C-alpha atoms as a PDB file:
ATOM      1  CA  MET A   1      71.899  31.626   6.718  1.00  0.00           C
ATOM      2  CA  ASN A   2      69.012  33.821   5.829  1.00  0.00           C
ATOM      3  CA  ALA A   3      65.772  31.930   6.106  1.00  0.00           C
ATOM      4  CA  GLN A   4      63.136  33.193   3.687  1.00  0.00           C
ATOM      5  CA  PRO A   5      59.580  32.967   4.940  1.00  0.00           C
ATOM      6  CA  HIS A   6      57.411  30.774   2.784  1.00  0.00           C
ATOM      7  CA  PRO A   7      54.787  32.813   0.993  1.00  0.00           C
ATOM      8  CA  THR A   8      51.273  31.854   1.807  1.00  0.00           C
ATOM      9  CA  PRO A   9      49.405  30.755  -1.281  1.00  0.00           C
ATOM     10  CA  THR A  10      46.934  33.281  -2.454  1.00  0.00           C
ATOM     11  CA  PRO A  11      43.470  31.912  -3.087  1.00  0.00           C
ATOM     12  CA  ALA A  12      42.017  31.923  -6.544  1.00  0.00           C
ATOM     13  CA  PRO A  13      39.867  34.970  -7.246  1.00  0.00           C
ATOM     14  CA  ALA A  14      36.325  34.498  -6.365  1.00  0.00           C
ATOM     15  CA  VAL A  15      33.986  33.943  -9.293  1.00  0.00           C
ATOM     16  CA  PRO A  16      30.560  35.458  -8.868  1.00  0.00           C
ATOM     17  CA  ALA A  17      27.594  33.103  -8.713  1.00  0.00           C
ATOM     18  CA  SER A  18      25.628  32.811 -11.897  1.00  0.00           C
ATOM     19  CA  THR A  19      23.078  30.260 -11.012  1.00  0.00           C
ATOM     20  CA  PRO A  20      20.674  29.713  -8.123  1.00  0.00           C
ATOM     21  CA  ALA A  21      22.511  26.469  -7.200  1.00  0.00           C
ATOM     22  CA  GLU A  22      25.871  28.352  -7.056  1.00  0.00           C
ATOM     23  CA  ALA A  23      24.305  31.091  -4.934  1.00  0.00           C
ATOM     24  CA  ARG A  24      22.764  28.523  -2.566  1.00  0.00           C
ATOM     25  CA  ARG A  25      26.208  26.692  -2.297  1.00  0.00           C
ATOM     26  CA  LEU A  26      27.927  30.037  -1.374  1.00  0.00           C
ATOM     27  CA  ALA A  27      25.314  30.934   1.149  1.00  0.00           C
ATOM     28  CA  GLU A  28      25.230  27.522   2.740  1.00  0.00           C
ATOM     29  CA  GLY A  29      29.008  27.506   2.855  1.00  0.00           C
ATOM     30  CA  LEU A  30      29.065  30.845   4.682  1.00  0.00           C
ATOM     31  CA  MET A  31      26.335  29.789   7.065  1.00  0.00           C
ATOM     32  CA  GLY A  32      28.225  26.554   7.782  1.00  0.00           C
ATOM     33  CA  ILE A  33      31.487  28.467   8.445  1.00  0.00           C
ATOM     34  CA  MET A  34      29.585  30.958  10.720  1.00  0.00           C
ATOM     35  CA  THR A  35      28.112  28.033  12.617  1.00  0.00           C
ATOM     36  CA  SER A  36      31.461  26.355  13.155  1.00  0.00           C
ATOM     37  CA  LEU A  37      33.083  29.691  14.195  1.00  0.00           C
ATOM     38  CA  LEU A  38      30.212  30.267  16.633  1.00  0.00           C
ATOM     39  CA  ASP A  39      30.758  26.844  18.139  1.00  0.00           C
ATOM     40  CA  LEU A  40      34.424  27.773  18.760  1.00  0.00           C
ATOM     41  CA  VAL A  41      33.480  31.226  20.096  1.00  0.00           C
ATOM     42  CA  GLU A  42      30.865  29.746  22.432  1.00  0.00           C
ATOM     43  CA  GLU A  43      33.385  27.179  23.675  1.00  0.00           C
ATOM     44  CA  GLU A  44      35.946  29.961  24.310  1.00  0.00           C
ATOM     45  CA  THR A  45      33.388  32.090  26.093  1.00  0.00           C
ATOM     46  CA  GLU A  46      32.459  29.222  28.394  1.00  0.00           C
ATOM     47  CA  LEU A  47      36.033  28.391  29.122  1.00  0.00           C
ATOM     48  CA  VAL A  48      36.880  31.990  29.985  1.00  0.00           C
ATOM     49  CA  ARG A  49      33.769  32.342  32.113  1.00  0.00           C
ATOM     50  CA  ALA A  50      34.889  29.201  34.029  1.00  0.00           C
ATOM     51  CA  GLY A  51      38.426  30.639  34.476  1.00  0.00           C
ATOM     52  CA  LYS A  52      40.078  28.076  32.153  1.00  0.00           C
ATOM     53  CA  VAL A  53      42.124  30.605  30.187  1.00  0.00           C
ATOM     54  CA  ARG A  54      44.750  28.102  29.132  1.00  0.00           C
ATOM     55  CA  GLU A  55      42.198  25.898  27.496  1.00  0.00           C
ATOM     56  CA  ALA A  56      40.613  28.957  25.827  1.00  0.00           C
ATOM     57  CA  ILE A  57      44.025  30.058  24.403  1.00  0.00           C
ATOM     58  CA  ALA A  58      44.413  26.555  23.024  1.00  0.00           C
ATOM     59  CA  LEU A  59      41.442  27.261  20.656  1.00  0.00           C
ATOM     60  CA  GLU A  60      43.266  30.149  19.048  1.00  0.00           C
ATOM     61  CA  THR A  61      44.683  28.198  16.092  1.00  0.00           C
ATOM     62  CA  ARG A  62      41.352  26.683  15.183  1.00  0.00           C
ATOM     63  CA  LYS A  63      39.585  30.045  15.710  1.00  0.00           C
ATOM     64  CA  SER A  64      42.133  31.830  13.420  1.00  0.00           C
ATOM     65  CA  GLU A  65      41.666  29.265  10.684  1.00  0.00           C
ATOM     66  CA  ALA A  66      37.883  29.507  10.935  1.00  0.00           C
ATOM     67  CA  SER A  67      38.149  33.309  10.843  1.00  0.00           C
ATOM     68  CA  ARG A  68      40.220  33.060   7.611  1.00  0.00           C
ATOM     69  CA  GLU A  69      37.580  30.756   6.084  1.00  0.00           C
ATOM     70  CA  TYR A  70      34.841  33.188   7.125  1.00  0.00           C
ATOM     71  CA  MET A  71      36.681  36.087   5.467  1.00  0.00           C
ATOM     72  CA  ARG A  72      37.143  34.058   2.285  1.00  0.00           C
ATOM     73  CA  ALA A  73      33.512  33.142   2.189  1.00  0.00           C
ATOM     74  CA  VAL A  74      32.362  36.711   2.877  1.00  0.00           C
ATOM     75  CA  THR A  75      34.511  37.824  -0.067  1.00  0.00           C
ATOM     76  CA  GLU A  76      32.865  35.295  -2.290  1.00  0.00           C
ATOM     77  CA  ILE A  77      29.431  36.434  -1.210  1.00  0.00           C
ATOM     78  CA  LYS A  78      30.404  40.031  -1.839  1.00  0.00           C
ATOM     79  CA  HIS A  79      31.410  39.192  -5.390  1.00  0.00           C
ATOM     80  CA  SER A  80      28.054  37.577  -5.896  1.00  0.00           C
ATOM     81  CA  ALA A  81      25.965  40.252  -4.077  1.00  0.00           C
ATOM     82  CA  ALA A  82      24.371  41.722  -7.229  1.00  0.00           C
ATOM     83  CA  TYR A  83      23.263  38.278  -8.411  1.00  0.00           C
ATOM     84  CA  LEU A  84      21.952  37.249  -4.939  1.00  0.00           C
ATOM     85  CA  LYS A  85      19.952  40.456  -4.669  1.00  0.00           C
ATOM     86  CA  ALA A  86      18.414  40.076  -8.116  1.00  0.00           C
ATOM     87  CA  SER A  87      17.713  36.393  -8.306  1.00  0.00           C
ATOM     88  CA  THR A  88      17.553  34.998  -4.718  1.00  0.00           C
ATOM     89  CA  PRO A  89      16.419  37.736  -2.316  1.00  0.00           C
ATOM     90  CA  ASP A  90      14.956  35.234   0.100  1.00  0.00           C
ATOM     91  CA  LEU A  91      18.349  33.468   0.347  1.00  0.00           C
ATOM     92  CA  LEU A  92      20.050  36.828   0.926  1.00  0.00           C
ATOM     93  CA  ALA A  93      17.480  37.714   3.632  1.00  0.00           C
ATOM     94  CA  THR A  94      18.204  34.355   5.390  1.00  0.00           C
ATOM     95  CA  LEU A  95      21.943  35.077   5.158  1.00  0.00           C
ATOM     96  CA  HIS A  96      21.394  38.517   6.714  1.00  0.00           C
ATOM     97  CA  ARG A  97      19.405  37.063   9.558  1.00  0.00           C
ATOM     98  CA  HIS A  98      22.038  34.365  10.197  1.00  0.00           C
ATOM     99  CA  HIS A  99      24.745  37.067  10.132  1.00  0.00           C
ATOM    100  CA  ASP A 100      22.870  39.282  12.640  1.00  0.00           C
ATOM    101  CA  THR A 101      22.770  36.276  15.027  1.00  0.00           C
ATOM    102  CA  PHE A 102      26.424  35.730  14.367  1.00  0.00           C
ATOM    103  CA  ARG A 103      27.284  39.342  15.267  1.00  0.00           C
ATOM    104  CA  ALA A 104      25.244  39.269  18.434  1.00  0.00           C
ATOM    105  CA  MET A 105      27.052  36.074  19.651  1.00  0.00           C
ATOM    106  CA  LEU A 106      30.436  37.645  18.861  1.00  0.00           C
ATOM    107  CA  GLN A 107      29.485  40.623  20.896  1.00  0.00           C
ATOM    108  CA  VAL A 108      28.760  38.383  23.880  1.00  0.00           C
ATOM    109  CA  ASN A 109      32.174  36.811  23.449  1.00  0.00           C
ATOM    110  CA  LEU A 110      33.876  40.210  23.232  1.00  0.00           C
ATOM    111  CA  THR A 111      32.110  41.316  26.373  1.00  0.00           C
ATOM    112  CA  VAL A 112      33.292  38.222  28.315  1.00  0.00           C
ATOM    113  CA  LEU A 113      36.805  38.670  27.055  1.00  0.00           C
ATOM    114  CA  ALA A 114      36.827  42.344  27.952  1.00  0.00           C
ATOM    115  CA  THR A 115      35.510  41.628  31.407  1.00  0.00           C
ATOM    116  CA  ALA A 116      38.152  38.930  32.017  1.00  0.00           C
ATOM    117  CA  HIS A 117      40.806  41.413  30.851  1.00  0.00           C
ATOM    118  CA  ALA A 118      39.500  44.136  33.163  1.00  0.00           C
ATOM    119  CA  VAL A 119      39.304  41.800  36.157  1.00  0.00           C
ATOM    120  CA  SER A 120      42.782  40.504  35.594  1.00  0.00           C
ATOM    121  CA  GLU A 121      44.157  43.974  35.089  1.00  0.00           C
ATOM    122  CA  GLY A 122      42.482  45.089  38.360  1.00  0.00           C
ATOM    123  CA  ILE A 123      44.032  42.158  40.219  1.00  0.00           C
ATOM    124  CA  ILE A 124      47.522  43.032  38.882  1.00  0.00           C
ATOM    125  CA  ARG A 125      47.133  46.675  39.757  1.00  0.00           C
ATOM    126  CA  GLY A 126      45.958  45.722  43.223  1.00  0.00           C
ATOM    127  CA  VAL A 127      48.916  43.400  43.781  1.00  0.00           C
ATOM    128  CA  ASN A 128      51.283  46.069  42.521  1.00  0.00           C
ATOM    129  CA  GLY A 129      49.712  48.670  44.898  1.00  0.00           C
ATOM    130  CA  GLU A 130      50.177  46.305  47.847  1.00  0.00           C
ATOM    131  CA  ILE A 131      53.796  45.586  46.892  1.00  0.00           C
ATOM    132  CA  GLN A 132      54.570  49.271  46.410  1.00  0.00           C
ATOM    133  CA  GLN A 133      52.952  50.190  49.714  1.00  0.00           C
ATOM    134  CA  ARG A 134      55.106  47.647  51.577  1.00  0.00           C
ATOM    135  CA  ARG A 135      58.303  48.766  49.877  1.00  0.00           C
ATOM    136  CA  MET A 136      57.878  52.513  50.609  1.00  0.00           C
ATOM    137  CA  PRO A 137      59.251  53.834  53.867  1.00  0.00           C
ATOM    138  CA  GLN A 138      56.530  54.887  56.302  1.00  0.00           C
ATOM    139  CA  GLY A 139      56.966  58.178  58.034  1.00  0.00           C
ATOM    140  CA  TYR A 140      55.369  61.326  59.429  1.00  0.00           C
ATOM    141  CA  THR A 141      55.701  64.983  58.660  1.00  0.00           C
ATOM    142  CA  ALA A 142      56.741  67.630  61.247  1.00  0.00           C
ATOM    143  CA  ALA A 143      53.093  68.324  61.791  1.00  0.00           C
ATOM    144  CA  GLY A 144      52.426  64.613  62.790  1.00  0.00           C
ATOM    145  CA  GLN A 145      50.631  63.763  59.582  1.00  0.00           C
ATOM    146  CA  ARG A 146      51.444  60.672  57.616  1.00  0.00           C
ATOM    147  CA  ALA A 147      53.915  61.436  54.867  1.00  0.00           C
ATOM    148  CA  ALA A 148      52.826  61.063  51.273  1.00  0.00           C
ATOM    149  CA  PRO A 149      54.613  58.099  49.572  1.00  0.00           C
ATOM    150  CA  ASN A 150      57.640  59.219  47.529  1.00  0.00           C
ATOM    151  CA  HIS A 151      57.429  57.727  44.033  1.00  0.00           C
ATOM    152  CA  ARG A 152      61.278  57.519  43.761  1.00  0.00           C
ATOM    153  CA  TYR A 153      61.030  54.380  45.922  1.00  0.00           C
ATOM    154  CA  ALA A 154      58.516  52.773  43.599  1.00  0.00           C
ATOM    155  CA  THR A 155      59.770  49.800  41.619  1.00  0.00           C
ATOM    156  CA  PRO A 156      57.992  48.287  38.645  1.00  0.00           C
ATOM    157  CA  LEU A 157      56.169  45.057  38.792  1.00  0.00           C
ATOM    158  CA  ALA A 158      57.242  42.544  36.140  1.00  0.00           C
ATOM    159  CA  VAL A 159      54.592  40.199  34.861  1.00  0.00           C
ATOM    160  CA  SER A 160      55.152  37.295  32.452  1.00  0.00           C
ATOM    161  CA  ARG A 161      52.392  37.222  29.768  1.00  0.00           C
ATOM    162  CA  SER A 162      53.088  33.658  28.932  1.00  0.00           C
ATOM    163  CA  LEU A 163      50.897  31.201  30.704  1.00  0.00           C
END
């Protein structure tokens, strides 16, 4: 049996805003999506900082869905950029300020995630070094110096990535 994957429905093409009310609706929709995505990102950041990685991973589905909504809304805004620039420049400026705050908060989240990754990688490398050091035979050279470890005795460390 060959299971065919179900195609994801493609969203209807974005129609550019043609009235100030439509422009405001698009901008408020994007700001609302950014706010909800920021709430998820802040929650993830706090969970990772607290070492609760499993709980942070559980947010992935909601975060992915919010990211898709964000991309959809950004596409709609891009289609209406000319109208926004011409008729509602104050709304566009507000949207830019909100987006700058959004990017700054995402940068904090990325920094926390990168730090957690570096720390966990350092721990794994340290554990691997200790294991390898214990497995290698200890010996001395003819001159009485400690022999350099022979890498043919090294065995890889297997780590399960599932939590």
